[in-house]
Amino acid sequence: MTSKERVLATVARRPLDRPCVDYEADADVSQALCEYLGLEEVEALRRVLGSDLRNLVDAAPYVGEGVPPLPDGTPRNYFGVPDSQGTYSSTIYQPPLANVETVAEVEAYPWPEADDFDYSKLGQMCDQLSEYALCGGAWSPLVCTAMHLTGMEEFFMLMAWKPQVAEAILARLCDLFYEYSKRYFEATAGKLDIFFMGDDYGLQNGPMFSVEMFRRLVLPHIRRLFELAKSYGLLVMMHSCGSIRAFIPDLIDAGMDILDPVQVRAAGMQIEGLKRDFGKDIVFHGSIDTQHTLPRGSVQDVEAEVRSRLELFAEEGGFICCGSQWYMNDIPLENLLAIYRTCGSLAV
């Protein structure tokens, strides 16, 4: 099987030659693994690990007019949000819409446009990785971007007390992500396999907001983006960290095919229960525990957890093996390699 065939077979619950795997990590982790294995680049690392997917999300670069920096020289992104520089910027700089109170103020804000991005090289990028299952489109972090624009607490307050303003912000963001993805899908002309969008709706102990608020303010925009992807024949993979079990039925109803990342130590996110309740409807991408097992466990602990996942999904399928979050530098390299060795994908 090629990697593309393996991923598509995983989604369709067809027999596999080996378990499907993926790899996403912070840059310093990838660099350390490359040095450890004597490899020159991250793509070579992905091949050695046997990663079956390639992530081309947000691969169309911004070419529009840059937003001027703050008076102290701090750069701002195309939304006008100060660059975090590795910090929580809202604790240092006032978000640009921190004091927004009306829909008119939202509409008057200088929003970026889909024409501000260059889609010309996307097809070539897909051709170079055609043996893999390709993920693309706009990352589309609706709620997260809204929080960057207003501040986290401030956006929660808008959702509760001025929902029309919160809705206006989310609508403008969705318009951008929709048009960006539409151009992206046109530019890749059937070479893409998965629309992969991400946002964060969960905390460690529960959702960030109620199901009712999710359905009213957020879900209509998710549904709109999912429907666009489906109109181009794409699978849909949705990323959301934390405890989001309460939202999974609505995401499935909207068209989600693959759930990422399955943060198994968050409340209600134990993989056995998720498979029991939703395993016939969706594929699970992730769940090897990055909060405890990988950083604190032994190689044997990691191998045991991976084997338990493979056994859980052995009969019915629907599992892509990787971490419950991106890998970070608190994880011993041998523990990372143990995942892929146990899945039979490691080529060293």
Protein backbone atom coordinates (compact mmCIF):
# COMPACT_ATOMS: atom_id res chain seq x y z
CA MET A 1 0.00 0.00 0.00
CA THR A 2 1.03 3.57 -0.55
CA SER A 3 0.51 5.91 2.38
CA LYS A 4 -2.44 7.55 0.59
CA GLU A 5 -4.06 4.16 0.05
CA ARG A 6 -3.45 3.23 3.69
CA VAL A 7 -5.15 6.36 5.03
CA LEU A 8 -8.13 6.05 2.70
CA ALA A 9 -8.45 2.36 3.63
CA THR A 10 -8.37 3.33 7.32
CA VAL A 11 -11.27 5.73 6.82
CA ALA A 12 -13.20 3.16 4.77
CA ARG A 13 -12.47 0.39 7.36
CA ARG A 14 -10.76 -1.79 4.76
CA PRO A 15 -7.89 -4.21 5.60
CA LEU A 16 -4.43 -2.65 6.04
CA ASP A 17 -0.89 -3.92 5.50
CA ARG A 18 0.10 -2.17 8.74
CA PRO A 19 -1.41 0.41 11.11
CA CYS A 20 -1.72 3.94 9.78
CA VAL A 21 0.56 6.46 11.54
CA ASP A 22 1.22 10.19 11.55
CA TYR A 23 3.90 12.49 12.92
CA GLU A 24 3.66 16.12 14.05
CA ALA A 25 6.12 17.71 16.45
CA ASP A 26 7.68 20.98 17.53
CA ALA A 27 10.65 21.97 15.37
CA ASP A 28 13.22 21.29 18.10
CA VAL A 29 11.91 17.74 18.52
CA SER A 30 12.19 17.06 14.81
CA GLN A 31 15.71 18.51 14.76
CA ALA A 32 16.75 16.33 17.68
CA LEU A 33 15.30 13.21 16.04
CA CYS A 34 17.06 14.03 12.76
CA GLU A 35 20.39 14.38 14.58
CA TYR A 36 19.75 11.19 16.55
CA LEU A 37 19.00 9.21 13.38
CA GLY A 38 21.59 10.92 11.17
CA LEU A 39 19.04 12.51 8.85
CA GLU A 40 19.32 15.79 6.98
CA GLU A 41 15.72 17.05 6.90
CA VAL A 42 12.29 16.61 8.44
CA GLU A 43 10.81 15.05 5.30
CA ALA A 44 13.42 12.31 5.51
CA LEU A 45 12.44 11.84 9.15
CA ARG A 46 8.78 11.47 8.23
CA ARG A 47 9.71 8.82 5.68
CA VAL A 48 11.81 6.88 8.18
CA LEU A 49 8.99 6.96 10.71
CA GLY A 50 6.54 5.84 8.05
CA SER A 51 4.19 8.81 8.49
CA ASP A 52 1.25 8.38 6.13
CA LEU A 53 -0.08 11.95 6.07
CA ARG A 54 1.41 15.27 5.01
CA ASN A 55 0.10 18.54 6.32
CA LEU A 56 -0.16 21.39 3.79
CA VAL A 57 -2.66 23.43 5.79
CA ASP A 58 -2.24 27.20 5.36
CA ALA A 59 0.39 26.56 2.69
CA ALA A 60 -0.70 29.54 0.59
CA PRO A 61 1.49 32.38 1.91
CA TYR A 62 0.24 35.85 2.74
CA VAL A 63 1.31 38.37 0.12
CA GLY A 64 -0.96 41.27 1.04
CA GLU A 65 0.00 44.57 2.51
CA GLY A 66 1.71 44.13 5.86
CA VAL A 67 0.20 45.52 9.04
CA PRO A 68 2.47 48.19 10.57
CA PRO A 69 4.25 47.18 13.80
CA LEU A 70 3.36 48.63 17.17
CA PRO A 71 5.19 51.82 18.24
CA ASP A 72 7.71 49.71 20.18
CA GLY A 73 8.55 47.74 17.01
CA THR A 74 6.58 44.61 17.88
CA PRO A 75 5.37 43.02 14.62
CA ARG A 76 1.70 42.25 14.02
CA ASN A 77 0.18 39.52 11.87
CA TYR A 78 -2.29 40.12 9.06
CA PHE A 79 -5.14 40.22 11.57
CA GLY A 80 -3.40 43.07 13.38
CA VAL A 81 -2.60 40.91 16.41
CA PRO A 82 0.84 41.48 17.98
CA ASP A 83 3.28 38.60 17.45
CA SER A 84 3.33 36.59 20.65
CA GLN A 85 7.11 36.01 20.45
CA GLY A 86 6.58 32.85 22.48
CA THR A 87 4.39 34.59 25.07
CA TYR A 88 0.68 35.01 25.72
CA SER A 89 0.62 38.36 23.96
CA SER A 90 -2.74 39.44 25.38
CA THR A 91 -1.11 39.67 28.81
CA ILE A 92 1.43 42.13 27.41
CA TYR A 93 -0.30 43.95 24.55
CA GLN A 94 -3.91 45.02 24.26
CA PRO A 95 -5.65 42.98 21.54
CA PRO A 96 -6.87 45.18 18.69
CA LEU A 97 -10.58 44.51 19.36
CA ALA A 98 -10.32 44.39 23.16
CA ASN A 99 -12.88 47.17 23.58
CA VAL A 100 -15.25 46.29 20.74
CA GLU A 101 -18.90 46.86 21.61
CA THR A 102 -20.89 47.01 18.37
CA VAL A 103 -21.34 45.11 15.13
CA ALA A 104 -20.51 48.32 13.28
CA GLU A 105 -17.05 48.35 14.90
CA VAL A 106 -16.51 44.76 13.77
CA GLU A 107 -17.51 45.60 10.22
CA ALA A 108 -15.22 48.65 10.18
CA TYR A 109 -12.17 46.62 11.20
CA PRO A 110 -9.53 46.11 8.42
CA TRP A 111 -10.02 42.38 7.83
CA PRO A 112 -7.65 40.49 5.51
CA GLU A 113 -9.10 39.12 2.28
CA ALA A 114 -8.66 35.77 0.54
CA ASP A 115 -7.03 37.56 -2.40
CA ASP A 116 -4.16 38.52 -0.08
CA PHE A 117 -2.68 35.00 -0.38
CA ASP A 118 -0.70 33.26 -3.13
CA TYR A 119 -2.18 29.90 -4.19
CA SER A 120 0.01 29.40 -7.27
CA LYS A 121 2.39 26.77 -5.89
CA LEU A 122 -0.12 24.54 -4.11
CA GLY A 123 -0.60 22.13 -7.01
CA GLN A 124 3.15 21.61 -7.34
CA MET A 125 3.47 20.99 -3.61
CA CYS A 126 0.78 18.30 -3.83
CA ASP A 127 2.50 16.67 -6.81
CA GLN A 128 5.73 16.33 -4.84
CA LEU A 129 3.94 14.43 -2.07
CA SER A 130 1.35 12.55 -4.12
CA GLU A 131 2.02 9.15 -2.49
CA TYR A 132 0.77 10.50 0.87
CA ALA A 133 -2.65 11.47 2.14
CA LEU A 134 -2.60 15.26 1.82
CA CYS A 135 -4.27 17.61 4.30
CA GLY A 136 -4.94 21.19 3.29
CA GLY A 137 -7.18 24.22 3.26
CA ALA A 138 -7.36 27.04 5.78
CA TRP A 139 -6.62 26.06 9.37
CA SER A 140 -9.72 28.08 10.25
CA PRO A 141 -9.33 28.68 14.01
CA LEU A 142 -12.58 30.57 14.45
CA VAL A 143 -12.77 30.87 18.23
CA CYS A 144 -9.01 31.02 18.81
CA THR A 145 -8.56 33.86 16.33
CA ALA A 146 -11.51 35.72 17.82
CA MET A 147 -9.84 35.39 21.23
CA HIS A 148 -6.57 36.72 19.83
CA LEU A 149 -8.45 39.71 18.46
CA THR A 150 -10.41 40.54 21.61
CA GLY A 151 -8.71 38.69 24.46
CA MET A 152 -9.90 35.32 25.79
CA GLU A 153 -12.02 36.51 28.69
CA GLU A 154 -13.38 39.38 26.63
CA PHE A 155 -14.58 37.02 23.89
CA PHE A 156 -16.32 34.79 26.43
CA MET A 157 -18.06 37.91 27.75
CA LEU A 158 -19.13 38.85 24.23
CA MET A 159 -20.52 35.36 23.67
CA ALA A 160 -22.57 35.65 26.85
CA TRP A 161 -23.63 39.31 26.91
CA LYS A 162 -23.24 40.60 23.34
CA PRO A 163 -23.69 37.51 21.16
CA GLN A 164 -24.44 39.63 18.11
CA VAL A 165 -20.92 41.10 18.31
CA ALA A 166 -19.32 37.68 18.85
CA GLU A 167 -21.34 36.38 15.90
CA ALA A 168 -20.17 39.25 13.70
CA ILE A 169 -16.51 38.47 14.48
CA LEU A 170 -16.97 34.76 13.82
CA ALA A 171 -18.83 35.48 10.59
CA ARG A 172 -16.04 37.70 9.24
CA LEU A 173 -13.47 35.07 10.13
CA CYS A 174 -15.50 32.32 8.53
CA ASP A 175 -15.86 34.38 5.36
CA LEU A 176 -12.08 34.61 5.10
CA PHE A 177 -11.43 30.94 5.86
CA TYR A 178 -14.18 29.86 3.46
CA GLU A 179 -12.88 31.91 0.54
CA TYR A 180 -9.25 30.95 1.27
CA SER A 181 -10.16 27.25 1.31
CA LYS A 182 -12.27 27.56 -1.83
CA ARG A 183 -9.32 29.04 -3.72
CA TYR A 184 -7.03 26.41 -2.19
CA PHE A 185 -9.29 23.55 -3.31
CA GLU A 186 -9.53 25.00 -6.81
CA ALA A 187 -5.76 25.40 -7.03
CA THR A 188 -5.09 21.80 -5.98
CA ALA A 189 -7.61 20.42 -8.49
CA GLY A 190 -8.44 17.09 -6.87
CA LYS A 191 -4.95 16.42 -5.50
CA LEU A 192 -5.96 16.99 -1.89
CA ASP A 193 -7.51 14.26 0.28
CA ILE A 194 -8.46 15.91 3.58
CA PHE A 195 -9.67 19.32 4.67
CA PHE A 196 -7.97 19.72 8.06
CA MET A 197 -9.23 22.59 10.19
CA GLY A 198 -8.49 23.30 13.81
CA ASP A 199 -9.81 25.29 16.72
CA ASP A 200 -9.87 24.74 20.49
CA TYR A 201 -13.13 24.22 22.36
CA GLY A 202 -12.01 22.16 25.35
CA LEU A 203 -10.24 22.55 28.66
CA GLN A 204 -8.73 19.77 30.74
CA ASN A 205 -11.91 19.29 32.78
CA GLY A 206 -14.65 20.18 30.34
CA PRO A 207 -15.72 22.31 27.38
CA MET A 208 -14.95 26.04 27.22
CA PHE A 209 -18.61 26.89 26.74
CA SER A 210 -22.00 25.22 26.75
CA VAL A 211 -23.38 23.00 24.01
CA GLU A 212 -26.16 25.55 23.48
CA MET A 213 -23.66 28.37 22.97
CA PHE A 214 -21.58 26.17 20.66
CA ARG A 215 -24.60 25.33 18.55
CA ARG A 216 -25.75 28.93 18.34
CA LEU A 217 -22.49 30.75 17.65
CA VAL A 218 -19.85 28.32 16.42
CA LEU A 219 -21.40 25.25 14.78
CA PRO A 220 -23.07 27.08 11.85
CA HIS A 221 -19.65 28.28 10.68
CA ILE A 222 -18.07 24.85 11.12
CA ARG A 223 -20.92 23.34 9.12
CA ARG A 224 -20.39 25.89 6.36
CA LEU A 225 -16.68 25.04 6.09
CA PHE A 226 -17.33 21.28 6.22
CA GLU A 227 -19.94 21.55 3.48
CA LEU A 228 -17.50 23.42 1.26
CA ALA A 229 -14.91 20.66 1.69
CA LYS A 230 -17.48 17.94 1.00
CA SER A 231 -18.50 19.72 -2.21
CA TYR A 232 -14.95 19.13 -3.43
CA GLY A 233 -15.03 15.45 -2.45
CA LEU A 234 -12.72 15.87 0.55
CA LEU A 235 -12.68 14.09 3.87
CA VAL A 236 -12.89 16.36 6.91
CA MET A 237 -10.53 16.17 9.89
CA MET A 238 -11.26 18.42 12.86
CA HIS A 239 -8.73 19.37 15.52
CA SER A 240 -9.75 20.51 18.97
CA CYS A 241 -7.75 20.07 22.14
CA GLY A 242 -9.13 19.16 25.53
CA SER A 243 -12.48 17.83 26.68
CA ILE A 244 -14.85 18.13 23.72
CA ARG A 245 -16.93 14.97 24.07
CA ALA A 246 -20.10 17.07 24.42
CA PHE A 247 -19.53 18.53 20.95
CA ILE A 248 -18.67 15.32 19.08
CA PRO A 249 -22.25 14.38 18.08
CA ASP A 250 -22.77 17.80 16.49
CA LEU A 251 -19.41 17.61 14.71
CA ILE A 252 -20.32 14.21 13.31
CA ASP A 253 -23.70 15.53 12.18
CA ALA A 254 -21.90 18.42 10.45
CA GLY A 255 -19.74 15.98 8.48
CA MET A 256 -16.57 15.29 10.48
CA ASP A 257 -14.78 12.13 9.32
CA ILE A 258 -11.66 12.21 11.52
CA LEU A 259 -11.22 13.58 15.05
CA ASP A 260 -7.84 14.98 16.08
CA PRO A 261 -6.07 14.73 18.52
CA VAL A 262 -8.01 12.72 21.19
CA GLN A 263 -6.49 14.21 24.35
CA VAL A 264 -7.06 11.09 26.42
CA ARG A 265 -6.35 12.61 29.86
CA ALA A 266 -9.00 15.30 29.43
CA ALA A 267 -12.38 14.66 31.02
CA GLY A 268 -14.56 12.28 29.02
CA MET A 269 -11.92 11.69 26.32
CA GLN A 270 -10.89 8.13 27.21
CA ILE A 271 -10.41 6.35 23.92
CA GLU A 272 -12.34 3.22 24.85
CA GLY A 273 -15.53 5.19 25.53
CA LEU A 274 -15.11 7.34 22.44
CA LYS A 275 -14.70 4.27 20.24
CA ARG A 276 -17.72 2.60 21.83
CA ASP A 277 -19.96 5.61 21.29
CA PHE A 278 -18.62 7.13 18.07
CA GLY A 279 -16.31 4.54 16.46
CA LYS A 280 -18.76 3.61 13.71
CA ASP A 281 -19.00 7.22 12.59
CA ILE A 282 -15.48 8.65 12.78
CA VAL A 283 -11.78 7.79 12.67
CA PHE A 284 -9.59 8.72 15.63
CA HIS A 285 -6.29 10.46 14.91
CA GLY A 286 -3.98 10.37 17.94
CA SER A 287 -4.42 9.31 21.59
CA ILE A 288 -0.90 8.16 22.53
CA ASP A 289 -0.64 10.12 25.76
CA THR A 290 1.65 13.16 25.57
CA GLN A 291 0.75 14.34 29.08
CA HIS A 292 2.06 11.36 31.02
CA THR A 293 3.00 8.15 29.20
CA LEU A 294 5.29 9.64 26.57
CA PRO A 295 7.18 12.20 28.72
CA ARG A 296 7.26 10.19 31.97
CA GLY A 297 6.86 6.55 31.04
CA SER A 298 9.41 4.00 29.93
CA VAL A 299 9.82 2.60 26.43
CA GLN A 300 7.92 -0.44 27.64
CA ASP A 301 5.07 1.77 28.87
CA VAL A 302 4.82 3.42 25.47
CA GLU A 303 4.90 0.09 23.65
CA ALA A 304 2.13 -1.24 25.90
CA GLU A 305 -0.08 1.80 25.28
CA VAL A 306 0.40 1.59 21.52
CA ARG A 307 -0.38 -2.14 21.53
CA SER A 308 -3.53 -1.49 23.55
CA ARG A 309 -4.72 0.99 20.90
CA LEU A 310 -3.96 -1.38 18.05
CA GLU A 311 -5.83 -4.17 19.81
CA LEU A 312 -8.79 -1.90 20.54
CA PHE A 313 -9.19 -1.06 16.85
CA ALA A 314 -8.02 -4.40 15.42
CA GLU A 315 -11.44 -5.67 14.38
CA GLU A 316 -13.30 -2.56 13.28
CA GLY A 317 -10.43 -0.25 12.27
CA GLY A 318 -10.71 3.53 12.22
CA PHE A 319 -7.48 4.54 13.98
CA ILE A 320 -4.43 6.61 12.99
CA CYS A 321 -1.64 6.22 15.53
CA CYS A 322 0.15 9.32 16.83
CA GLY A 323 0.31 11.52 19.91
CA SER A 324 -2.56 13.01 21.85
CA GLN A 325 -0.90 16.35 21.02
CA TRP A 326 2.09 17.43 18.96
CA TYR A 327 5.27 15.98 20.40
CA MET A 328 7.25 18.38 22.58
CA ASN A 329 10.82 18.29 23.87
CA ASP A 330 9.89 16.79 27.23
CA ILE A 331 9.51 13.39 25.51
CA PRO A 332 12.58 11.08 25.35
CA LEU A 333 13.46 10.31 21.75
CA GLU A 334 13.41 6.55 22.34
CA ASN A 335 9.83 6.86 23.56
CA LEU A 336 8.86 8.56 20.31
CA LEU A 337 10.58 5.92 18.22
CA ALA A 338 8.81 3.22 20.23
CA ILE A 339 5.46 4.36 18.79
CA TYR A 340 6.53 3.73 15.22
CA ARG A 341 8.52 0.60 15.98
CA THR A 342 5.49 -0.95 17.66
CA CYS A 343 3.30 -0.03 14.66
CA GLY A 344 5.80 -1.60 12.30
CA SER A 345 6.34 1.59 10.32
CA LEU A 346 9.85 2.52 11.50
CA ALA A 347 12.41 2.02 8.74
CA VAL A 348 15.56 1.80 10.93
